[in-house]
Amino acid sequence: MEGSKIEGTKENKENNSLDLYVGKTFQNWNHVEKFMKKYAAAKGHGIRIGGGGKVDKTTNEVIKRRYLCRHAGKANSKQTIRSNVTSCRVECPWKVNIWVKKGKGCLEVTTFNNQHIGHELMSSISKSICSNITKIARRNS
């Protein structure tokens, strides 16, 4: 893996940027999860794991995960009607696929669609206001 840096290793601590691209590598699923949470927070959107991932049948280890924007997918119309609740799902296509690369000894981003459709991204000012409201609510409860 000449020239590439694996997220979560000592070598990459100095270059701890929130760049996401096809070919980006990670040391393990823990590092992926931490990175994806920081990345989504910095970019102003929520994420979720879609489809539960792919598991190796012999080792029972996760070999693939798909991260989706929290707005991905279609609203369940039956559930929405019954509970009188609106859904945040608007078929946003943003996604990241990450596979285990056994030959390289790492996890690698293999697909990245950085397009958001159908919803606003939360600005840093909005995130700050929401964070402060949450802190005040916790103090008052």
N, C-alpha and C. Protein backbone atom coordinates (compact mmCIF):
# COMPACT_ATOMS: atom_id res chain seq x y z
N MET A 1 0.82 -1.19 0.00
CA MET A 1 0.00 0.00 0.00
C MET A 1 0.86 1.24 0.00
N GLU A 2 1.79 1.29 -0.87
CA GLU A 2 2.66 2.45 -0.96
C GLU A 2 1.87 3.70 -1.30
N GLY A 3 2.19 4.78 -0.60
CA GLY A 3 1.59 6.07 -0.92
C GLY A 3 0.23 6.31 -0.28
N SER A 4 -0.41 5.26 0.25
CA SER A 4 -1.71 5.50 0.89
C SER A 4 -1.56 5.41 2.39
N LYS A 5 -2.47 6.05 3.08
CA LYS A 5 -2.43 6.06 4.54
C LYS A 5 -3.71 5.42 5.05
N ILE A 6 -3.58 4.54 6.01
CA ILE A 6 -4.73 3.86 6.58
C ILE A 6 -5.26 4.68 7.74
N GLU A 7 -6.57 5.02 7.69
CA GLU A 7 -7.22 5.79 8.75
C GLU A 7 -7.11 5.02 10.05
N GLY A 8 -6.70 5.72 11.11
CA GLY A 8 -6.61 5.11 12.43
C GLY A 8 -5.20 4.68 12.80
N THR A 9 -4.25 4.73 11.87
CA THR A 9 -2.89 4.35 12.19
C THR A 9 -2.10 5.56 12.65
N LYS A 10 -1.01 5.31 13.36
CA LYS A 10 -0.16 6.39 13.86
C LYS A 10 0.33 7.28 12.71
N GLU A 11 0.67 6.64 11.60
CA GLU A 11 1.18 7.35 10.43
C GLU A 11 0.19 8.40 9.94
N ASN A 12 -1.09 8.15 10.12
CA ASN A 12 -2.11 9.05 9.59
C ASN A 12 -2.63 10.04 10.63
N LYS A 13 -2.17 9.99 11.87
CA LYS A 13 -2.67 10.89 12.92
C LYS A 13 -2.42 12.35 12.56
N GLU A 14 -1.26 12.66 11.97
CA GLU A 14 -0.96 14.06 11.62
C GLU A 14 -1.88 14.55 10.51
N ASN A 15 -2.27 13.67 9.61
CA ASN A 15 -3.11 14.04 8.47
C ASN A 15 -4.54 13.57 8.73
N ASN A 16 -5.11 13.99 9.86
CA ASN A 16 -6.42 13.51 10.28
C ASN A 16 -7.53 14.35 9.65
N SER A 17 -7.53 14.44 8.34
CA SER A 17 -8.54 15.25 7.65
C SER A 17 -9.80 14.43 7.46
N LEU A 18 -10.87 15.12 7.14
CA LEU A 18 -12.14 14.47 6.91
C LEU A 18 -12.41 14.31 5.41
N ASP A 19 -11.39 13.94 4.67
CA ASP A 19 -11.55 13.67 3.24
C ASP A 19 -12.14 12.28 3.06
N LEU A 20 -13.10 12.16 2.18
CA LEU A 20 -13.70 10.87 1.87
C LEU A 20 -13.66 10.70 0.36
N TYR A 21 -13.15 9.57 -0.10
CA TYR A 21 -12.98 9.33 -1.53
C TYR A 21 -12.82 7.84 -1.78
N VAL A 22 -13.09 7.41 -3.00
CA VAL A 22 -12.88 6.02 -3.38
C VAL A 22 -11.39 5.73 -3.26
N GLY A 23 -11.07 4.65 -2.56
CA GLY A 23 -9.67 4.28 -2.34
C GLY A 23 -9.18 4.60 -0.94
N LYS A 24 -9.94 5.41 -0.18
CA LYS A 24 -9.56 5.73 1.20
C LYS A 24 -9.58 4.42 1.99
N THR A 25 -8.59 4.24 2.86
CA THR A 25 -8.49 3.00 3.62
C THR A 25 -8.60 3.25 5.11
N PHE A 26 -9.05 2.21 5.82
CA PHE A 26 -9.22 2.25 7.27
C PHE A 26 -8.61 1.00 7.88
N GLN A 27 -8.24 1.10 9.14
CA GLN A 27 -7.61 -0.01 9.84
C GLN A 27 -8.64 -1.08 10.25
N ASN A 28 -9.81 -0.65 10.73
CA ASN A 28 -10.84 -1.60 11.17
C ASN A 28 -12.20 -0.90 11.18
N TRP A 29 -13.27 -1.67 11.48
CA TRP A 29 -14.62 -1.12 11.45
C TRP A 29 -14.84 -0.06 12.52
N ASN A 30 -14.13 -0.15 13.64
CA ASN A 30 -14.22 0.88 14.69
C ASN A 30 -13.78 2.23 14.15
N HIS A 31 -12.66 2.23 13.43
CA HIS A 31 -12.16 3.48 12.84
C HIS A 31 -13.11 4.02 11.77
N VAL A 32 -13.71 3.11 11.01
CA VAL A 32 -14.70 3.53 10.00
C VAL A 32 -15.86 4.24 10.69
N GLU A 33 -16.40 3.62 11.73
CA GLU A 33 -17.56 4.18 12.43
C GLU A 33 -17.26 5.56 13.00
N LYS A 34 -16.11 5.70 13.67
CA LYS A 34 -15.73 7.00 14.24
C LYS A 34 -15.57 8.05 13.15
N PHE A 35 -14.89 7.68 12.07
CA PHE A 35 -14.67 8.61 10.97
C PHE A 35 -16.00 9.04 10.35
N MET A 36 -16.89 8.08 10.08
CA MET A 36 -18.15 8.39 9.41
C MET A 36 -19.01 9.31 10.26
N LYS A 37 -19.02 9.11 11.57
CA LYS A 37 -19.79 10.01 12.46
C LYS A 37 -19.23 11.42 12.41
N LYS A 38 -17.90 11.56 12.49
CA LYS A 38 -17.27 12.88 12.42
C LYS A 38 -17.52 13.53 11.06
N TYR A 39 -17.37 12.74 10.01
CA TYR A 39 -17.55 13.25 8.65
C TYR A 39 -18.98 13.78 8.46
N ALA A 40 -19.97 12.98 8.84
CA ALA A 40 -21.37 13.38 8.66
C ALA A 40 -21.69 14.63 9.48
N ALA A 41 -21.19 14.67 10.71
CA ALA A 41 -21.44 15.85 11.56
C ALA A 41 -20.83 17.10 10.94
N ALA A 42 -19.62 16.97 10.42
CA ALA A 42 -18.94 18.12 9.81
C ALA A 42 -19.63 18.58 8.53
N LYS A 43 -20.21 17.64 7.79
CA LYS A 43 -20.86 17.97 6.53
C LYS A 43 -22.32 18.38 6.70
N GLY A 44 -22.88 18.14 7.89
CA GLY A 44 -24.24 18.60 8.16
C GLY A 44 -25.35 17.64 7.81
N HIS A 45 -25.07 16.35 7.87
CA HIS A 45 -26.14 15.37 7.62
C HIS A 45 -25.96 14.15 8.51
N GLY A 46 -27.02 13.42 8.70
CA GLY A 46 -26.97 12.20 9.48
C GLY A 46 -26.68 11.01 8.58
N ILE A 47 -26.20 9.93 9.19
CA ILE A 47 -25.92 8.72 8.42
C ILE A 47 -26.53 7.51 9.13
N ARG A 48 -26.68 6.45 8.37
CA ARG A 48 -27.11 5.17 8.93
C ARG A 48 -26.48 4.06 8.10
N ILE A 49 -26.39 2.88 8.70
CA ILE A 49 -25.90 1.73 7.96
C ILE A 49 -27.08 1.11 7.25
N GLY A 50 -26.97 0.91 5.96
CA GLY A 50 -28.06 0.35 5.17
C GLY A 50 -27.85 -1.12 4.89
N GLY A 51 -28.90 -1.89 5.05
CA GLY A 51 -28.87 -3.30 4.68
C GLY A 51 -28.12 -4.21 5.64
N GLY A 52 -27.58 -3.68 6.71
CA GLY A 52 -26.91 -4.52 7.70
C GLY A 52 -25.53 -5.01 7.32
N GLY A 53 -25.09 -4.78 6.12
CA GLY A 53 -23.75 -5.20 5.71
C GLY A 53 -23.73 -6.62 5.18
N LYS A 54 -22.58 -7.01 4.68
CA LYS A 54 -22.39 -8.36 4.16
C LYS A 54 -21.44 -9.09 5.09
N VAL A 55 -21.78 -10.33 5.43
CA VAL A 55 -21.00 -11.10 6.39
C VAL A 55 -20.42 -12.34 5.71
N ASP A 56 -19.14 -12.63 5.99
CA ASP A 56 -18.48 -13.83 5.49
C ASP A 56 -19.12 -15.04 6.20
N LYS A 57 -19.65 -15.99 5.43
CA LYS A 57 -20.37 -17.12 6.02
C LYS A 57 -19.48 -18.05 6.82
N THR A 58 -18.20 -18.14 6.48
CA THR A 58 -17.31 -19.05 7.21
C THR A 58 -16.73 -18.42 8.48
N THR A 59 -16.38 -17.14 8.42
CA THR A 59 -15.76 -16.48 9.58
C THR A 59 -16.75 -15.67 10.40
N ASN A 60 -17.92 -15.39 9.84
CA ASN A 60 -18.95 -14.57 10.49
C ASN A 60 -18.50 -13.12 10.69
N GLU A 61 -17.51 -12.67 9.94
CA GLU A 61 -17.00 -11.30 10.03
C GLU A 61 -17.66 -10.43 8.97
N VAL A 62 -17.89 -9.16 9.34
CA VAL A 62 -18.45 -8.20 8.39
C VAL A 62 -17.39 -7.92 7.33
N ILE A 63 -17.77 -8.08 6.06
CA ILE A 63 -16.82 -7.81 4.97
C ILE A 63 -17.23 -6.60 4.13
N LYS A 64 -18.48 -6.13 4.32
CA LYS A 64 -18.93 -4.94 3.59
C LYS A 64 -19.99 -4.21 4.41
N ARG A 65 -19.91 -2.88 4.35
CA ARG A 65 -20.96 -2.05 4.93
C ARG A 65 -21.29 -0.94 3.95
N ARG A 66 -22.56 -0.57 3.94
CA ARG A 66 -23.01 0.56 3.13
C ARG A 66 -23.53 1.62 4.09
N TYR A 67 -22.92 2.79 4.03
CA TYR A 67 -23.39 3.93 4.82
C TYR A 67 -24.27 4.78 3.91
N LEU A 68 -25.43 5.15 4.43
CA LEU A 68 -26.40 5.95 3.68
C LEU A 68 -26.71 7.23 4.42
N CYS A 69 -27.12 8.24 3.68
CA CYS A 69 -27.66 9.45 4.30
C CYS A 69 -28.91 9.04 5.05
N ARG A 70 -29.17 9.68 6.17
CA ARG A 70 -30.37 9.31 6.94
C ARG A 70 -31.65 9.59 6.16
N HIS A 71 -31.55 10.35 5.09
CA HIS A 71 -32.71 10.65 4.24
C HIS A 71 -32.84 9.68 3.07
N ALA A 72 -32.00 8.67 2.99
CA ALA A 72 -32.05 7.68 1.90
C ALA A 72 -33.28 6.80 2.07
N GLY A 73 -33.76 6.27 0.97
CA GLY A 73 -34.88 5.34 1.01
C GLY A 73 -36.22 6.04 0.89
N LYS A 74 -37.25 5.22 0.77
CA LYS A 74 -38.62 5.73 0.64
C LYS A 74 -39.32 5.66 1.99
N ALA A 75 -40.22 6.59 2.21
CA ALA A 75 -41.04 6.58 3.42
C ALA A 75 -41.99 5.39 3.35
N ASN A 76 -42.22 4.76 4.47
CA ASN A 76 -43.18 3.67 4.56
C ASN A 76 -44.56 4.29 4.71
N SER A 77 -45.32 4.35 3.61
CA SER A 77 -46.59 5.08 3.61
C SER A 77 -47.60 4.49 4.59
N LYS A 78 -47.65 3.18 4.77
CA LYS A 78 -48.60 2.57 5.70
C LYS A 78 -48.30 3.01 7.13
N GLN A 79 -47.02 2.99 7.49
CA GLN A 79 -46.63 3.38 8.85
C GLN A 79 -46.90 4.87 9.07
N THR A 80 -46.62 5.70 8.09
CA THR A 80 -46.82 7.13 8.19
C THR A 80 -48.30 7.46 8.38
N ILE A 81 -49.17 6.79 7.65
CA ILE A 81 -50.61 7.03 7.75
C ILE A 81 -51.13 6.58 9.12
N ARG A 82 -50.74 5.39 9.55
CA ARG A 82 -51.22 4.85 10.83
C ARG A 82 -50.80 5.70 12.01
N SER A 83 -49.55 6.13 12.03
CA SER A 83 -49.05 6.84 13.20
C SER A 83 -49.15 8.36 13.08
N ASN A 84 -49.63 8.85 11.92
CA ASN A 84 -49.78 10.29 11.70
C ASN A 84 -48.45 11.03 11.89
N VAL A 85 -47.37 10.40 11.40
CA VAL A 85 -46.03 10.96 11.52
C VAL A 85 -45.46 11.14 10.13
N THR A 86 -44.64 12.16 9.97
CA THR A 86 -43.98 12.34 8.68
C THR A 86 -42.63 11.66 8.71
N SER A 87 -42.16 11.25 7.55
CA SER A 87 -40.88 10.56 7.43
C SER A 87 -39.83 11.52 6.90
N CYS A 88 -38.58 11.29 7.29
CA CYS A 88 -37.49 12.10 6.76
C CYS A 88 -36.88 11.48 5.51
N ARG A 89 -37.36 10.32 5.10
CA ARG A 89 -36.79 9.62 3.94
C ARG A 89 -37.33 10.22 2.64
N VAL A 90 -36.39 10.69 1.81
CA VAL A 90 -36.76 11.35 0.56
C VAL A 90 -35.94 10.85 -0.62
N GLU A 91 -35.47 9.60 -0.53
CA GLU A 91 -34.69 8.96 -1.60
C GLU A 91 -33.38 9.68 -1.91
N CYS A 92 -32.71 10.20 -0.90
CA CYS A 92 -31.40 10.83 -1.11
C CYS A 92 -30.40 9.75 -1.55
N PRO A 93 -29.63 10.00 -2.62
CA PRO A 93 -28.73 8.97 -3.14
C PRO A 93 -27.34 8.91 -2.50
N TRP A 94 -27.04 9.77 -1.51
CA TRP A 94 -25.71 9.79 -0.90
C TRP A 94 -25.41 8.42 -0.29
N LYS A 95 -24.25 7.85 -0.62
CA LYS A 95 -23.88 6.55 -0.05
C LYS A 95 -22.37 6.32 -0.14
N VAL A 96 -21.91 5.45 0.75
CA VAL A 96 -20.51 5.02 0.77
C VAL A 96 -20.50 3.51 0.98
N ASN A 97 -19.83 2.77 0.09
CA ASN A 97 -19.62 1.34 0.29
C ASN A 97 -18.19 1.12 0.74
N ILE A 98 -18.01 0.29 1.78
CA ILE A 98 -16.68 -0.02 2.29
C ILE A 98 -16.56 -1.54 2.38
N TRP A 99 -15.49 -2.08 1.78
CA TRP A 99 -15.24 -3.52 1.74
C TRP A 99 -13.93 -3.84 2.46
N VAL A 100 -13.88 -5.04 3.04
CA VAL A 100 -12.63 -5.57 3.56
C VAL A 100 -11.77 -5.95 2.36
N LYS A 101 -10.51 -5.52 2.36
CA LYS A 101 -9.57 -5.89 1.30
C LYS A 101 -8.51 -6.78 1.94
N LYS A 102 -8.77 -8.09 1.91
CA LYS A 102 -7.89 -9.04 2.61
C LYS A 102 -6.46 -8.99 2.10
N GLY A 103 -6.28 -8.84 0.81
CA GLY A 103 -4.94 -8.79 0.23
C GLY A 103 -4.14 -7.58 0.70
N LYS A 104 -4.85 -6.50 1.04
CA LYS A 104 -4.19 -5.28 1.50
C LYS A 104 -4.18 -5.17 3.02
N GLY A 105 -4.97 -5.99 3.70
CA GLY A 105 -5.04 -5.95 5.16
C GLY A 105 -5.72 -4.69 5.70
N CYS A 106 -6.75 -4.23 4.99
CA CYS A 106 -7.44 -3.00 5.41
C CYS A 106 -8.87 -3.02 4.92
N LEU A 107 -9.60 -1.97 5.23
CA LEU A 107 -10.94 -1.72 4.71
C LEU A 107 -10.81 -0.57 3.72
N GLU A 108 -11.56 -0.63 2.62
CA GLU A 108 -11.40 0.39 1.59
C GLU A 108 -12.74 0.88 1.07
N VAL A 109 -12.82 2.20 0.86
CA VAL A 109 -14.00 2.80 0.24
C VAL A 109 -13.98 2.41 -1.23
N THR A 110 -15.05 1.73 -1.68
CA THR A 110 -15.11 1.27 -3.07
C THR A 110 -16.12 2.05 -3.90
N THR A 111 -17.10 2.67 -3.23
CA THR A 111 -18.12 3.49 -3.91
C THR A 111 -18.40 4.70 -3.04
N PHE A 112 -18.48 5.86 -3.66
CA PHE A 112 -18.84 7.07 -2.93
C PHE A 112 -19.66 7.98 -3.82
N ASN A 113 -20.94 8.16 -3.47
CA ASN A 113 -21.81 9.10 -4.17
C ASN A 113 -22.04 10.26 -3.21
N ASN A 114 -21.45 11.40 -3.50
CA ASN A 114 -21.49 12.56 -2.60
C ASN A 114 -22.63 13.53 -2.92
N GLN A 115 -23.68 13.03 -3.55
CA GLN A 115 -24.80 13.90 -3.94
C GLN A 115 -25.97 13.75 -2.97
N HIS A 116 -26.44 14.87 -2.44
CA HIS A 116 -27.63 14.89 -1.59
C HIS A 116 -28.77 15.51 -2.39
N ILE A 117 -29.96 14.88 -2.30
CA ILE A 117 -31.14 15.37 -3.02
C ILE A 117 -32.34 15.32 -2.08
N GLY A 118 -33.17 16.37 -2.11
CA GLY A 118 -34.45 16.34 -1.42
C GLY A 118 -34.44 16.83 0.01
N HIS A 119 -33.29 17.32 0.49
CA HIS A 119 -33.24 17.82 1.87
C HIS A 119 -32.09 18.81 2.01
N GLU A 120 -32.18 19.60 3.04
CA GLU A 120 -31.14 20.59 3.35
C GLU A 120 -30.05 19.94 4.20
N LEU A 121 -28.84 20.45 4.07
CA LEU A 121 -27.77 20.07 4.97
C LEU A 121 -27.77 21.07 6.12
N MET A 122 -27.50 20.60 7.31
CA MET A 122 -27.53 21.46 8.49
C MET A 122 -26.25 22.29 8.53
N SER A 123 -26.40 23.60 8.62
CA SER A 123 -25.23 24.47 8.70
C SER A 123 -24.58 24.36 10.07
N SER A 124 -23.34 24.79 10.19
CA SER A 124 -22.65 24.73 11.48
C SER A 124 -23.34 25.60 12.52
N ILE A 125 -23.98 26.68 12.10
CA ILE A 125 -24.71 27.54 13.04
C ILE A 125 -25.92 26.78 13.59
N SER A 126 -26.66 26.10 12.71
CA SER A 126 -27.81 25.30 13.14
C SER A 126 -27.38 24.20 14.08
N LYS A 127 -26.26 23.52 13.76
CA LYS A 127 -25.76 22.44 14.61
C LYS A 127 -25.43 22.98 15.99
N SER A 128 -24.83 24.17 16.04
CA SER A 128 -24.46 24.79 17.31
C SER A 128 -25.70 25.12 18.12
N ILE A 129 -26.72 25.67 17.47
CA ILE A 129 -27.97 26.02 18.16
C ILE A 129 -28.63 24.76 18.70
N CYS A 130 -28.71 23.70 17.89
CA CYS A 130 -29.32 22.44 18.33
C CYS A 130 -28.55 21.85 19.51
N SER A 131 -27.24 21.92 19.46
CA SER A 131 -26.41 21.39 20.54
C SER A 131 -26.67 22.16 21.83
N ASN A 132 -26.76 23.49 21.74
CA ASN A 132 -27.02 24.31 22.92
C ASN A 132 -28.41 24.06 23.49
N ILE A 133 -29.40 23.88 22.63
CA ILE A 133 -30.76 23.59 23.09
C ILE A 133 -30.78 22.26 23.83
N THR A 134 -30.08 21.27 23.30
CA THR A 134 -30.01 19.96 23.95
C THR A 134 -29.37 20.06 25.32
N LYS A 135 -28.28 20.83 25.43
CA LYS A 135 -27.59 21.00 26.72
C LYS A 135 -28.50 21.68 27.74
N ILE A 136 -29.25 22.70 27.30
CA ILE A 136 -30.16 23.41 28.20
C ILE A 136 -31.28 22.49 28.65
N ALA A 137 -31.82 21.70 27.72
CA ALA A 137 -32.90 20.77 28.05
C ALA A 137 -32.44 19.74 29.06
N ARG A 138 -31.21 19.25 28.92
CA ARG A 138 -30.68 18.27 29.88
C ARG A 138 -30.54 18.88 31.27
N ARG A 139 -30.08 20.13 31.32
CA ARG A 139 -29.90 20.81 32.61
C ARG A 139 -31.23 21.02 33.31
N ASN A 140 -32.28 21.30 32.53
CA ASN A 140 -33.59 21.60 33.10
C ASN A 140 -34.42 20.36 33.43
N SER A 141 -33.95 19.19 33.04
CA SER A 141 -34.76 17.99 33.31
C SER A 141 -34.30 17.23 34.53
